[in-house]
Amino acid sequence: MNKETRQERRERRQRKKREKMPQHGKSLARVYRDAILKRLRGKPK
């Protein structure tokens, strides 16, 4: 029977969390960019 240490379990969880990140980062970048563009376009001179 293969017993995992707490550290090994923790590392596996962290790795899963990191794999999810990039997708989230891209959509977040788009949200920021849209907000900036909207602000620039919305200002009459």
C-alpha atoms as a PDB file:
ATOM      1  CA  MET A   1       0.000   0.000   0.000  1.00  0.00           C
ATOM      2  CA  ASN A   2       1.460   3.323  -1.116  1.00  0.00           C
ATOM      3  CA  LYS A   3       1.085   5.981   1.556  1.00  0.00           C
ATOM      4  CA  GLU A   4       1.474   9.590   0.454  1.00  0.00           C
ATOM      5  CA  THR A   5       2.961  12.129   2.767  1.00  0.00           C
ATOM      6  CA  ARG A   6       1.063  15.326   3.481  1.00  0.00           C
ATOM      7  CA  GLN A   7       3.668  17.219   1.462  1.00  0.00           C
ATOM      8  CA  GLU A   8       3.090  15.051  -1.626  1.00  0.00           C
ATOM      9  CA  ARG A   9      -0.676  15.493  -1.411  1.00  0.00           C
ATOM     10  CA  ARG A  10      -0.225  19.230  -1.028  1.00  0.00           C
ATOM     11  CA  GLU A  11       2.088  19.451  -4.050  1.00  0.00           C
ATOM     12  CA  ARG A  12      -0.416  17.553  -6.184  1.00  0.00           C
ATOM     13  CA  ARG A  13      -3.199  19.951  -5.162  1.00  0.00           C
ATOM     14  CA  GLN A  14      -1.013  22.969  -5.899  1.00  0.00           C
ATOM     15  CA  ARG A  15      -0.144  21.588  -9.329  1.00  0.00           C
ATOM     16  CA  LYS A  16      -3.844  21.160 -10.192  1.00  0.00           C
ATOM     17  CA  LYS A  17      -4.514  24.726  -9.091  1.00  0.00           C
ATOM     18  CA  ARG A  18      -1.637  26.029 -11.244  1.00  0.00           C
ATOM     19  CA  GLU A  19      -2.916  24.140 -14.311  1.00  0.00           C
ATOM     20  CA  LYS A  20      -6.250  25.953 -14.061  1.00  0.00           C
ATOM     21  CA  MET A  21      -4.655  29.391 -13.805  1.00  0.00           C
ATOM     22  CA  PRO A  22      -3.679  30.323 -17.421  1.00  0.00           C
ATOM     23  CA  GLN A  23      -7.267  30.135 -18.704  1.00  0.00           C
ATOM     24  CA  HIS A  24      -8.359  32.403 -15.902  1.00  0.00           C
ATOM     25  CA  GLY A  25      -5.497  34.815 -16.569  1.00  0.00           C
ATOM     26  CA  LYS A  26      -6.386  35.249 -20.232  1.00  0.00           C
ATOM     27  CA  SER A  27     -10.035  36.083 -19.596  1.00  0.00           C
ATOM     28  CA  LEU A  28      -9.023  38.450 -16.820  1.00  0.00           C
ATOM     29  CA  ALA A  29      -6.604  40.250 -19.157  1.00  0.00           C
ATOM     30  CA  ARG A  30      -9.410  40.655 -21.687  1.00  0.00           C
ATOM     31  CA  VAL A  31     -11.673  42.163 -19.017  1.00  0.00           C
ATOM     32  CA  TYR A  32      -9.008  44.712 -18.080  1.00  0.00           C
ATOM     33  CA  ARG A  33      -8.286  45.578 -21.706  1.00  0.00           C
ATOM     34  CA  ASP A  34     -11.966  46.047 -22.502  1.00  0.00           C
ATOM     35  CA  ALA A  35     -12.373  48.309 -19.487  1.00  0.00           C
ATOM     36  CA  ILE A  36      -9.444  50.493 -20.565  1.00  0.00           C
ATOM     37  CA  LEU A  37     -10.619  50.715 -24.182  1.00  0.00           C
ATOM     38  CA  LYS A  38     -14.130  51.573 -23.046  1.00  0.00           C
ATOM     39  CA  ARG A  39     -12.774  54.369 -20.864  1.00  0.00           C
ATOM     40  CA  LEU A  40     -10.646  55.751 -23.726  1.00  0.00           C
ATOM     41  CA  ARG A  41     -13.487  55.617 -26.252  1.00  0.00           C
ATOM     42  CA  GLY A  42     -16.052  57.058 -23.877  1.00  0.00           C
ATOM     43  CA  LYS A  43     -14.267  60.370 -23.257  1.00  0.00           C
ATOM     44  CA  PRO A  44     -15.343  63.216 -25.516  1.00  0.00           C
ATOM     45  CA  LYS A  45     -12.736  65.954 -25.974  1.00  0.00           C
END
